[in-house]
Amino acid sequence: MYDACAVCEQTFEPEPGFYYGAMYLSFGFAVAIFAVVGLTLNYLAGDPDTWVYVVVIFVLSLLTTPLAFRYSRAMMLYFFGGARYDPKRAARAGH
């Protein structure tokens, strides 16, 4: 991950340990995936065997881990990072 944005020079880590909270957001994403997939399997497949739940949820959680990691960090930066849109800086950057 870059230290700062090439366009606006916003630092991506405002303070040491800033993204520890992103672990909780990522955990929330994983729990939501588990719940949705579990309920969907129960409804559509008619309560399959336990190994089906385990395999499907494990595979989907592995596939969505990079997205959950990226989006949880982005959400932490947007909610708590203090970054604000500056039209003058964006105009200087050509955006």
PDB file of N, CA and C in Angstrom:
ATOM      1  N   MET A   1       0.847  -1.168   0.000  1.00  0.00           N
ATOM      2  CA  MET A   1       0.000   0.000   0.000  1.00  0.00           C
ATOM      3  C   MET A   1       0.896   1.236   0.000  1.00  0.00           C
ATOM      4  N   TYR A   2       0.520   2.205  -0.784  1.00  0.00           N
ATOM      5  CA  TYR A   2       1.285   3.446  -0.850  1.00  0.00           C
ATOM      6  C   TYR A   2       1.172   4.210   0.471  1.00  0.00           C
ATOM      7  N   ASP A   3       2.170   5.057   0.750  1.00  0.00           N
ATOM      8  CA  ASP A   3       2.133   5.868   1.963  1.00  0.00           C
ATOM      9  C   ASP A   3       1.151   7.026   1.842  1.00  0.00           C
ATOM     10  N   ALA A   4       1.015   7.564   0.612  1.00  0.00           N
ATOM     11  CA  ALA A   4       0.126   8.708   0.399  1.00  0.00           C
ATOM     12  C   ALA A   4      -0.438   8.654  -1.016  1.00  0.00           C
ATOM     13  N   CYS A   5      -1.538   9.357  -1.223  1.00  0.00           N
ATOM     14  CA  CYS A   5      -2.170   9.428  -2.541  1.00  0.00           C
ATOM     15  C   CYS A   5      -1.296  10.267  -3.472  1.00  0.00           C
ATOM     16  N   ALA A   6      -1.116   9.800  -4.686  1.00  0.00           N
ATOM     17  CA  ALA A   6      -0.282  10.519  -5.650  1.00  0.00           C
ATOM     18  C   ALA A   6      -0.945  11.806  -6.121  1.00  0.00           C
ATOM     19  N   VAL A   7      -2.271  11.893  -6.059  1.00  0.00           N
ATOM     20  CA  VAL A   7      -2.991  13.065  -6.552  1.00  0.00           C
ATOM     21  C   VAL A   7      -3.166  14.113  -5.465  1.00  0.00           C
ATOM     22  N   CYS A   8      -3.715  13.719  -4.321  1.00  0.00           N
ATOM     23  CA  CYS A   8      -4.065  14.703  -3.292  1.00  0.00           C
ATOM     24  C   CYS A   8      -3.115  14.706  -2.102  1.00  0.00           C
ATOM     25  N   GLU A   9      -2.164  13.785  -2.069  1.00  0.00           N
ATOM     26  CA  GLU A   9      -1.167  13.684  -1.009  1.00  0.00           C
ATOM     27  C   GLU A   9      -1.759  13.353   0.359  1.00  0.00           C
ATOM     28  N   GLN A  10      -2.957  12.793   0.395  1.00  0.00           N
ATOM     29  CA  GLN A  10      -3.564  12.341   1.644  1.00  0.00           C
ATOM     30  C   GLN A  10      -2.804  11.115   2.138  1.00  0.00           C
ATOM     31  N   THR A  11      -2.366  11.130   3.393  1.00  0.00           N
ATOM     32  CA  THR A  11      -1.682   9.965   3.941  1.00  0.00           C
ATOM     33  C   THR A  11      -2.700   8.860   4.190  1.00  0.00           C
ATOM     34  N   PHE A  12      -2.304   7.642   3.886  1.00  0.00           N
ATOM     35  CA  PHE A  12      -3.214   6.517   4.039  1.00  0.00           C
ATOM     36  C   PHE A  12      -3.166   5.904   5.432  1.00  0.00           C
ATOM     37  N   GLU A  13      -2.215   6.300   6.253  1.00  0.00           N
ATOM     38  CA  GLU A  13      -2.181   5.848   7.638  1.00  0.00           C
ATOM     39  C   GLU A  13      -1.980   7.073   8.527  1.00  0.00           C
ATOM     40  N   PRO A  14      -3.089   7.685   8.962  1.00  0.00           N
ATOM     41  CA  PRO A  14      -2.994   8.922   9.736  1.00  0.00           C
ATOM     42  C   PRO A  14      -2.201   8.786  11.032  1.00  0.00           C
ATOM     43  N   GLU A  15      -2.234   7.611  11.658  1.00  0.00           N
ATOM     44  CA  GLU A  15      -1.474   7.390  12.883  1.00  0.00           C
ATOM     45  C   GLU A  15      -1.133   5.906  12.981  1.00  0.00           C
ATOM     46  N   PRO A  16      -0.117   5.551  13.755  1.00  0.00           N
ATOM     47  CA  PRO A  16       0.237   4.128  13.881  1.00  0.00           C
ATOM     48  C   PRO A  16      -0.929   3.324  14.472  1.00  0.00           C
ATOM     49  N   GLY A  17      -1.185   2.179  13.892  1.00  0.00           N
ATOM     50  CA  GLY A  17      -2.263   1.324  14.368  1.00  0.00           C
ATOM     51  C   GLY A  17      -3.650   1.777  13.971  1.00  0.00           C
ATOM     52  N   PHE A  18      -3.736   2.688  13.028  1.00  0.00           N
ATOM     53  CA  PHE A  18      -5.034   3.251  12.638  1.00  0.00           C
ATOM     54  C   PHE A  18      -5.988   2.184  12.124  1.00  0.00           C
ATOM     55  N   TYR A  19      -5.474   1.197  11.423  1.00  0.00           N
ATOM     56  CA  TYR A  19      -6.345   0.228  10.758  1.00  0.00           C
ATOM     57  C   TYR A  19      -6.681  -0.993  11.610  1.00  0.00           C
ATOM     58  N   TYR A  20      -6.376  -0.976  12.898  1.00  0.00           N
ATOM     59  CA  TYR A  20      -6.805  -2.092  13.747  1.00  0.00           C
ATOM     60  C   TYR A  20      -8.324  -2.195  13.767  1.00  0.00           C
ATOM     61  N   GLY A  21      -9.007  -1.080  13.703  1.00  0.00           N
ATOM     62  CA  GLY A  21     -10.469  -1.096  13.656  1.00  0.00           C
ATOM     63  C   GLY A  21     -11.003  -1.737  12.392  1.00  0.00           C
ATOM     64  N   ALA A  22     -10.204  -1.745  11.335  1.00  0.00           N
ATOM     65  CA  ALA A  22     -10.632  -2.377  10.083  1.00  0.00           C
ATOM     66  C   ALA A  22     -10.784  -3.879  10.254  1.00  0.00           C
ATOM     67  N   MET A  23     -10.074  -4.454  11.218  1.00  0.00           N
ATOM     68  CA  MET A  23     -10.244  -5.887  11.481  1.00  0.00           C
ATOM     69  C   MET A  23     -11.666  -6.175  11.937  1.00  0.00           C
ATOM     70  N   TYR A  24     -12.230  -5.284  12.743  1.00  0.00           N
ATOM     71  CA  TYR A  24     -13.596  -5.477  13.215  1.00  0.00           C
ATOM     72  C   TYR A  24     -14.596  -5.319  12.073  1.00  0.00           C
ATOM     73  N   LEU A  25     -14.349  -4.371  11.200  1.00  0.00           N
ATOM     74  CA  LEU A  25     -15.227  -4.214  10.036  1.00  0.00           C
ATOM     75  C   LEU A  25     -15.137  -5.431   9.125  1.00  0.00           C
ATOM     76  N   SER A  26     -13.938  -5.938   8.916  1.00  0.00           N
ATOM     77  CA  SER A  26     -13.759  -7.126   8.093  1.00  0.00           C
ATOM     78  C   SER A  26     -14.445  -8.331   8.731  1.00  0.00           C
ATOM     79  N   PHE A  27     -14.372  -8.432  10.044  1.00  0.00           N
ATOM     80  CA  PHE A  27     -15.074  -9.502  10.754  1.00  0.00           C
ATOM     81  C   PHE A  27     -16.585  -9.371  10.557  1.00  0.00           C
ATOM     82  N   GLY A  28     -17.084  -8.146  10.586  1.00  0.00           N
ATOM     83  CA  GLY A  28     -18.510  -7.925  10.337  1.00  0.00           C
ATOM     84  C   GLY A  28     -18.918  -8.359   8.939  1.00  0.00           C
ATOM     85  N   PHE A  29     -18.064  -8.080   7.954  1.00  0.00           N
ATOM     86  CA  PHE A  29     -18.340  -8.543   6.589  1.00  0.00           C
ATOM     87  C   PHE A  29     -18.398 -10.067   6.547  1.00  0.00           C
ATOM     88  N   ALA A  30     -17.459 -10.722   7.225  1.00  0.00           N
ATOM     89  CA  ALA A  30     -17.414 -12.186   7.224  1.00  0.00           C
ATOM     90  C   ALA A  30     -18.655 -12.769   7.890  1.00  0.00           C
ATOM     91  N   VAL A  31     -19.082 -12.185   9.000  1.00  0.00           N
ATOM     92  CA  VAL A  31     -20.284 -12.667   9.682  1.00  0.00           C
ATOM     93  C   VAL A  31     -21.506 -12.484   8.793  1.00  0.00           C
ATOM     94  N   ALA A  32     -21.584 -11.360   8.103  1.00  0.00           N
ATOM     95  CA  ALA A  32     -22.711 -11.139   7.189  1.00  0.00           C
ATOM     96  C   ALA A  32     -22.714 -12.174   6.066  1.00  0.00           C
ATOM     97  N   ILE A  33     -21.542 -12.476   5.535  1.00  0.00           N
ATOM     98  CA  ILE A  33     -21.453 -13.496   4.476  1.00  0.00           C
ATOM     99  C   ILE A  33     -21.876 -14.856   5.016  1.00  0.00           C
ATOM    100  N   PHE A  34     -21.403 -15.200   6.219  1.00  0.00           N
ATOM    101  CA  PHE A  34     -21.788 -16.487   6.817  1.00  0.00           C
ATOM    102  C   PHE A  34     -23.297 -16.573   6.977  1.00  0.00           C
ATOM    103  N   ALA A  35     -23.904 -15.510   7.506  1.00  0.00           N
ATOM    104  CA  ALA A  35     -25.342 -15.536   7.763  1.00  0.00           C
ATOM    105  C   ALA A  35     -26.142 -15.621   6.472  1.00  0.00           C
ATOM    106  N   VAL A  36     -25.791 -14.792   5.494  1.00  0.00           N
ATOM    107  CA  VAL A  36     -26.539 -14.782   4.234  1.00  0.00           C
ATOM    108  C   VAL A  36     -26.395 -16.111   3.503  1.00  0.00           C
ATOM    109  N   VAL A  37     -25.179 -16.621   3.426  1.00  0.00           N
ATOM    110  CA  VAL A  37     -24.958 -17.891   2.722  1.00  0.00           C
ATOM    111  C   VAL A  37     -25.632 -19.040   3.469  1.00  0.00           C
ATOM    112  N   GLY A  38     -25.532 -19.049   4.785  1.00  0.00           N
ATOM    113  CA  GLY A  38     -26.167 -20.106   5.564  1.00  0.00           C
ATOM    114  C   GLY A  38     -27.675 -20.110   5.406  1.00  0.00           C
ATOM    115  N   LEU A  39     -28.287 -18.936   5.497  1.00  0.00           N
ATOM    116  CA  LEU A  39     -29.741 -18.855   5.326  1.00  0.00           C
ATOM    117  C   LEU A  39     -30.163 -19.183   3.900  1.00  0.00           C
ATOM    118  N   THR A  40     -29.369 -18.746   2.929  1.00  0.00           N
ATOM    119  CA  THR A  40     -29.687 -19.048   1.531  1.00  0.00           C
ATOM    120  C   THR A  40     -29.590 -20.546   1.257  1.00  0.00           C
ATOM    121  N   LEU A  41     -28.542 -21.179   1.760  1.00  0.00           N
ATOM    122  CA  LEU A  41     -28.419 -22.630   1.583  1.00  0.00           C
ATOM    123  C   LEU A  41     -29.573 -23.368   2.263  1.00  0.00           C
ATOM    124  N   ASN A  42     -29.929 -22.924   3.445  1.00  0.00           N
ATOM    125  CA  ASN A  42     -31.021 -23.565   4.162  1.00  0.00           C
ATOM    126  C   ASN A  42     -32.332 -23.434   3.390  1.00  0.00           C
ATOM    127  N   TYR A  43     -32.567 -22.278   2.819  1.00  0.00           N
ATOM    128  CA  TYR A  43     -33.816 -22.030   2.102  1.00  0.00           C
ATOM    129  C   TYR A  43     -33.831 -22.712   0.732  1.00  0.00           C
ATOM    130  N   LEU A  44     -32.757 -22.539  -0.047  1.00  0.00           N
ATOM    131  CA  LEU A  44     -32.742 -23.057  -1.420  1.00  0.00           C
ATOM    132  C   LEU A  44     -32.424 -24.548  -1.508  1.00  0.00           C
ATOM    133  N   ALA A  45     -31.529 -25.034  -0.650  1.00  0.00           N
ATOM    134  CA  ALA A  45     -31.117 -26.437  -0.744  1.00  0.00           C
ATOM    135  C   ALA A  45     -31.869 -27.333   0.234  1.00  0.00           C
ATOM    136  N   GLY A  46     -32.741 -26.772   1.023  1.00  0.00           N
ATOM    137  CA  GLY A  46     -33.530 -27.588   1.934  1.00  0.00           C
ATOM    138  C   GLY A  46     -32.733 -28.193   3.068  1.00  0.00           C
ATOM    139  N   ASP A  47     -31.939 -27.388   3.751  1.00  0.00           N
ATOM    140  CA  ASP A  47     -31.123 -27.816   4.884  1.00  0.00           C
ATOM    141  C   ASP A  47     -30.196 -28.980   4.525  1.00  0.00           C
ATOM    142  N   PRO A  48     -29.141 -28.693   3.746  1.00  0.00           N
ATOM    143  CA  PRO A  48     -28.191 -29.753   3.363  1.00  0.00           C
ATOM    144  C   PRO A  48     -27.345 -30.200   4.555  1.00  0.00           C
ATOM    145  N   ASP A  49     -26.491 -31.167   4.310  1.00  0.00           N
ATOM    146  CA  ASP A  49     -25.592 -31.660   5.361  1.00  0.00           C
ATOM    147  C   ASP A  49     -24.658 -30.550   5.830  1.00  0.00           C
ATOM    148  N   THR A  50     -24.107 -30.752   7.011  1.00  0.00           N
ATOM    149  CA  THR A  50     -23.223 -29.752   7.611  1.00  0.00           C
ATOM    150  C   THR A  50     -21.994 -29.497   6.756  1.00  0.00           C
ATOM    151  N   TRP A  51     -21.445 -30.526   6.131  1.00  0.00           N
ATOM    152  CA  TRP A  51     -20.232 -30.341   5.330  1.00  0.00           C
ATOM    153  C   TRP A  51     -20.488 -29.399   4.153  1.00  0.00           C
ATOM    154  N   VAL A  52     -21.719 -29.356   3.632  1.00  0.00           N
ATOM    155  CA  VAL A  52     -22.038 -28.438   2.531  1.00  0.00           C
ATOM    156  C   VAL A  52     -21.946 -26.995   3.020  1.00  0.00           C
ATOM    157  N   TYR A  53     -22.514 -26.731   4.193  1.00  0.00           N
ATOM    158  CA  TYR A  53     -22.402 -25.392   4.775  1.00  0.00           C
ATOM    159  C   TYR A  53     -20.934 -25.002   4.956  1.00  0.00           C
ATOM    160  N   VAL A  54     -20.161 -25.900   5.536  1.00  0.00           N
ATOM    161  CA  VAL A  54     -18.757 -25.606   5.839  1.00  0.00           C
ATOM    162  C   VAL A  54     -17.974 -25.326   4.564  1.00  0.00           C
ATOM    163  N   VAL A  55     -18.131 -26.166   3.557  1.00  0.00           N
ATOM    164  CA  VAL A  55     -17.365 -26.001   2.314  1.00  0.00           C
ATOM    165  C   VAL A  55     -17.766 -24.724   1.589  1.00  0.00           C
ATOM    166  N   VAL A  56     -19.058 -24.484   1.439  1.00  0.00           N
ATOM    167  CA  VAL A  56     -19.514 -23.304   0.690  1.00  0.00           C
ATOM    168  C   VAL A  56     -19.110 -22.022   1.408  1.00  0.00           C
ATOM    169  N   ILE A  57     -19.314 -21.961   2.709  1.00  0.00           N
ATOM    170  CA  ILE A  57     -18.953 -20.753   3.453  1.00  0.00           C
ATOM    171  C   ILE A  57     -17.440 -20.557   3.462  1.00  0.00           C
ATOM    172  N   PHE A  58     -16.671 -21.623   3.594  1.00  0.00           N
ATOM    173  CA  PHE A  58     -15.213 -21.518   3.583  1.00  0.00           C
ATOM    174  C   PHE A  58     -14.716 -20.986   2.241  1.00  0.00           C
ATOM    175  N   VAL A  59     -15.226 -21.532   1.148  1.00  0.00           N
ATOM    176  CA  VAL A  59     -14.793 -21.089  -0.185  1.00  0.00           C
ATOM    177  C   VAL A  59     -15.185 -19.635  -0.418  1.00  0.00           C
ATOM    178  N   LEU A  60     -16.415 -19.273  -0.092  1.00  0.00           N
ATOM    179  CA  LEU A  60     -16.838 -17.885  -0.299  1.00  0.00           C
ATOM    180  C   LEU A  60     -16.074 -16.911   0.592  1.00  0.00           C
ATOM    181  N   SER A  61     -15.770 -17.320   1.812  1.00  0.00           N
ATOM    182  CA  SER A  61     -15.002 -16.422   2.675  1.00  0.00           C
ATOM    183  C   SER A  61     -13.580 -16.240   2.153  1.00  0.00           C
ATOM    184  N   LEU A  62     -12.988 -17.287   1.592  1.00  0.00           N
ATOM    185  CA  LEU A  62     -11.659 -17.137   0.988  1.00  0.00           C
ATOM    186  C   LEU A  62     -11.699 -16.232  -0.242  1.00  0.00           C
ATOM    187  N   LEU A  63     -12.739 -16.375  -1.047  1.00  0.00           N
ATOM    188  CA  LEU A  63     -12.842 -15.557  -2.255  1.00  0.00           C
ATOM    189  C   LEU A  63     -13.113 -14.088  -1.949  1.00  0.00           C
ATOM    190  N   THR A  64     -13.839 -13.816  -0.889  1.00  0.00           N
ATOM    191  CA  THR A  64     -14.192 -12.428  -0.578  1.00  0.00           C
ATOM    192  C   THR A  64     -13.230 -11.758   0.403  1.00  0.00           C
ATOM    193  N   THR A  65     -12.237 -12.477   0.895  1.00  0.00           N
ATOM    194  CA  THR A  65     -11.290 -11.886   1.839  1.00  0.00           C
ATOM    195  C   THR A  65     -10.560 -10.668   1.270  1.00  0.00           C
ATOM    196  N   PRO A  66     -10.035 -10.703   0.041  1.00  0.00           N
ATOM    197  CA  PRO A  66      -9.372  -9.495  -0.474  1.00  0.00           C
ATOM    198  C   PRO A  66     -10.312  -8.292  -0.576  1.00  0.00           C
ATOM    199  N   LEU A  67     -11.550  -8.528  -0.975  1.00  0.00           N
ATOM    200  CA  LEU A  67     -12.509  -7.422  -1.056  1.00  0.00           C
ATOM    201  C   LEU A  67     -12.857  -6.885   0.325  1.00  0.00           C
ATOM    202  N   ALA A  68     -13.090  -7.770   1.267  1.00  0.00           N
ATOM    203  CA  ALA A  68     -13.422  -7.338   2.624  1.00  0.00           C
ATOM    204  C   ALA A  68     -12.261  -6.562   3.237  1.00  0.00           C
ATOM    205  N   PHE A  69     -11.043  -7.017   3.001  1.00  0.00           N
ATOM    206  CA  PHE A  69      -9.864  -6.326   3.525  1.00  0.00           C
ATOM    207  C   PHE A  69      -9.755  -4.921   2.946  1.00  0.00           C
ATOM    208  N   ARG A  70      -9.906  -4.824   1.640  1.00  0.00           N
ATOM    209  CA  ARG A  70      -9.779  -3.531   0.973  1.00  0.00           C
ATOM    210  C   ARG A  70     -10.891  -2.563   1.389  1.00  0.00           C
ATOM    211  N   TYR A  71     -12.132  -3.051   1.399  1.00  0.00           N
ATOM    212  CA  TYR A  71     -13.253  -2.171   1.731  1.00  0.00           C
ATOM    213  C   TYR A  71     -13.273  -1.793   3.207  1.00  0.00           C
ATOM    214  N   SER A  72     -12.837  -2.662   4.079  1.00  0.00           N
ATOM    215  CA  SER A  72     -12.805  -2.300   5.493  1.00  0.00           C
ATOM    216  C   SER A  72     -11.763  -1.213   5.751  1.00  0.00           C
ATOM    217  N   ARG A  73     -10.633  -1.287   5.070  1.00  0.00           N
ATOM    218  CA  ARG A  73      -9.628  -0.222   5.217  1.00  0.00           C
ATOM    219  C   ARG A  73     -10.133   1.095   4.635  1.00  0.00           C
ATOM    220  N   ALA A  74     -10.798   1.027   3.487  1.00  0.00           N
ATOM    221  CA  ALA A  74     -11.347   2.241   2.879  1.00  0.00           C
ATOM    222  C   ALA A  74     -12.410   2.863   3.778  1.00  0.00           C
ATOM    223  N   MET A  75     -13.254   2.036   4.389  1.00  0.00           N
ATOM    224  CA  MET A  75     -14.283   2.567   5.281  1.00  0.00           C
ATOM    225  C   MET A  75     -13.664   3.223   6.507  1.00  0.00           C
ATOM    226  N   MET A  76     -12.613   2.629   7.055  1.00  0.00           N
ATOM    227  CA  MET A  76     -11.933   3.253   8.192  1.00  0.00           C
ATOM    228  C   MET A  76     -11.366   4.612   7.806  1.00  0.00           C
ATOM    229  N   LEU A  77     -10.769   4.699   6.637  1.00  0.00           N
ATOM    230  CA  LEU A  77     -10.187   5.961   6.198  1.00  0.00           C
ATOM    231  C   LEU A  77     -11.266   7.011   5.967  1.00  0.00           C
ATOM    232  N   TYR A  78     -12.379   6.614   5.373  1.00  0.00           N
ATOM    233  CA  TYR A  78     -13.462   7.565   5.108  1.00  0.00           C
ATOM    234  C   TYR A  78     -14.146   8.018   6.394  1.00  0.00           C
ATOM    235  N   PHE A  79     -14.405   7.092   7.307  1.00  0.00           N
ATOM    236  CA  PHE A  79     -15.151   7.439   8.518  1.00  0.00           C
ATOM    237  C   PHE A  79     -14.305   8.150   9.562  1.00  0.00           C
ATOM    238  N   PHE A  80     -13.062   7.723   9.736  1.00  0.00           N
ATOM    239  CA  PHE A  80     -12.257   8.222  10.849  1.00  0.00           C
ATOM    240  C   PHE A  80     -10.941   8.868  10.440  1.00  0.00           C
ATOM    241  N   GLY A  81     -10.643   8.943   9.161  1.00  0.00           N
ATOM    242  CA  GLY A  81      -9.349   9.431   8.715  1.00  0.00           C
ATOM    243  C   GLY A  81      -9.219  10.932   8.650  1.00  0.00           C
ATOM    244  N   GLY A  82     -10.323  11.636   8.659  1.00  0.00           N
ATOM    245  CA  GLY A  82     -10.267  13.084   8.611  1.00  0.00           C
ATOM    246  C   GLY A  82     -10.011  13.647   7.227  1.00  0.00           C
ATOM    247  N   ALA A  83     -10.096  12.840   6.200  1.00  0.00           N
ATOM    248  CA  ALA A  83      -9.890  13.331   4.834  1.00  0.00           C
ATOM    249  C   ALA A  83     -11.131  14.088   4.385  1.00  0.00           C
ATOM    250  N   ARG A  84     -10.936  15.251   3.850  1.00  0.00           N
ATOM    251  CA  ARG A  84     -12.044  16.064   3.357  1.00  0.00           C
ATOM    252  C   ARG A  84     -11.751  16.468   1.920  1.00  0.00           C
ATOM    253  N   TYR A  85     -12.791  16.586   1.145  1.00  0.00           N
ATOM    254  CA  TYR A  85     -12.645  16.955  -0.260  1.00  0.00           C
ATOM    255  C   TYR A  85     -12.286  18.428  -0.360  1.00  0.00           C
ATOM    256  N   ASP A  86     -11.237  18.725  -1.108  1.00  0.00           N
ATOM    257  CA  ASP A  86     -10.795  20.095  -1.333  1.00  0.00           C
ATOM    258  C   ASP A  86     -10.859  20.367  -2.827  1.00  0.00           C
ATOM    259  N   PRO A  87     -11.848  21.155  -3.300  1.00  0.00           N
ATOM    260  CA  PRO A  87     -11.985  21.395  -4.737  1.00  0.00           C
ATOM    261  C   PRO A  87     -10.762  22.080  -5.351  1.00  0.00           C
ATOM    262  N   LYS A  88     -10.088  22.928  -4.595  1.00  0.00           N
ATOM    263  CA  LYS A  88      -8.905  23.615  -5.128  1.00  0.00           C
ATOM    264  C   LYS A  88      -7.776  22.617  -5.400  1.00  0.00           C
ATOM    265  N   ARG A  89      -7.579  21.697  -4.482  1.00  0.00           N
ATOM    266  CA  ARG A  89      -6.536  20.692  -4.664  1.00  0.00           C
ATOM    267  C   ARG A  89      -6.881  19.767  -5.830  1.00  0.00           C
ATOM    268  N   ALA A  90      -8.153  19.413  -5.963  1.00  0.00           N
ATOM    269  CA  ALA A  90      -8.576  18.555  -7.074  1.00  0.00           C
ATOM    270  C   ALA A  90      -8.406  19.275  -8.405  1.00  0.00           C
ATOM    271  N   ALA A  91      -8.679  20.577  -8.442  1.00  0.00           N
ATOM    272  CA  ALA A  91      -8.520  21.343  -9.681  1.00  0.00           C
ATOM    273  C   ALA A  91      -7.046  21.421 -10.080  1.00  0.00           C
ATOM    274  N   ARG A  92      -6.168  21.580  -9.099  1.00  0.00           N
ATOM    275  CA  ARG A  92      -4.736  21.616  -9.398  1.00  0.00           C
ATOM    276  C   ARG A  92      -4.241  20.277  -9.925  1.00  0.00           C
ATOM    277  N   ALA A  93      -4.855  19.192  -9.462  1.00  0.00           N
ATOM    278  CA  ALA A  93      -4.446  17.859  -9.902  1.00  0.00           C
ATOM    279  C   ALA A  93      -5.062  17.491 -11.241  1.00  0.00           C
ATOM    280  N   GLY A  94      -6.000  18.299 -11.722  1.00  0.00           N
ATOM    281  CA  GLY A  94      -6.616  18.029 -13.018  1.00  0.00           C
ATOM    282  C   GLY A  94      -7.829  17.127 -12.941  1.00  0.00           C
ATOM    283  N   HIS A  95      -8.486  17.062 -11.785  1.00  0.00           N
ATOM    284  CA  HIS A  95      -9.669  16.211 -11.629  1.00  0.00           C
ATOM    285  C   HIS A  95     -10.886  17.055 -11.391  1.00  0.00           C
TER     286      HIS A  95
END
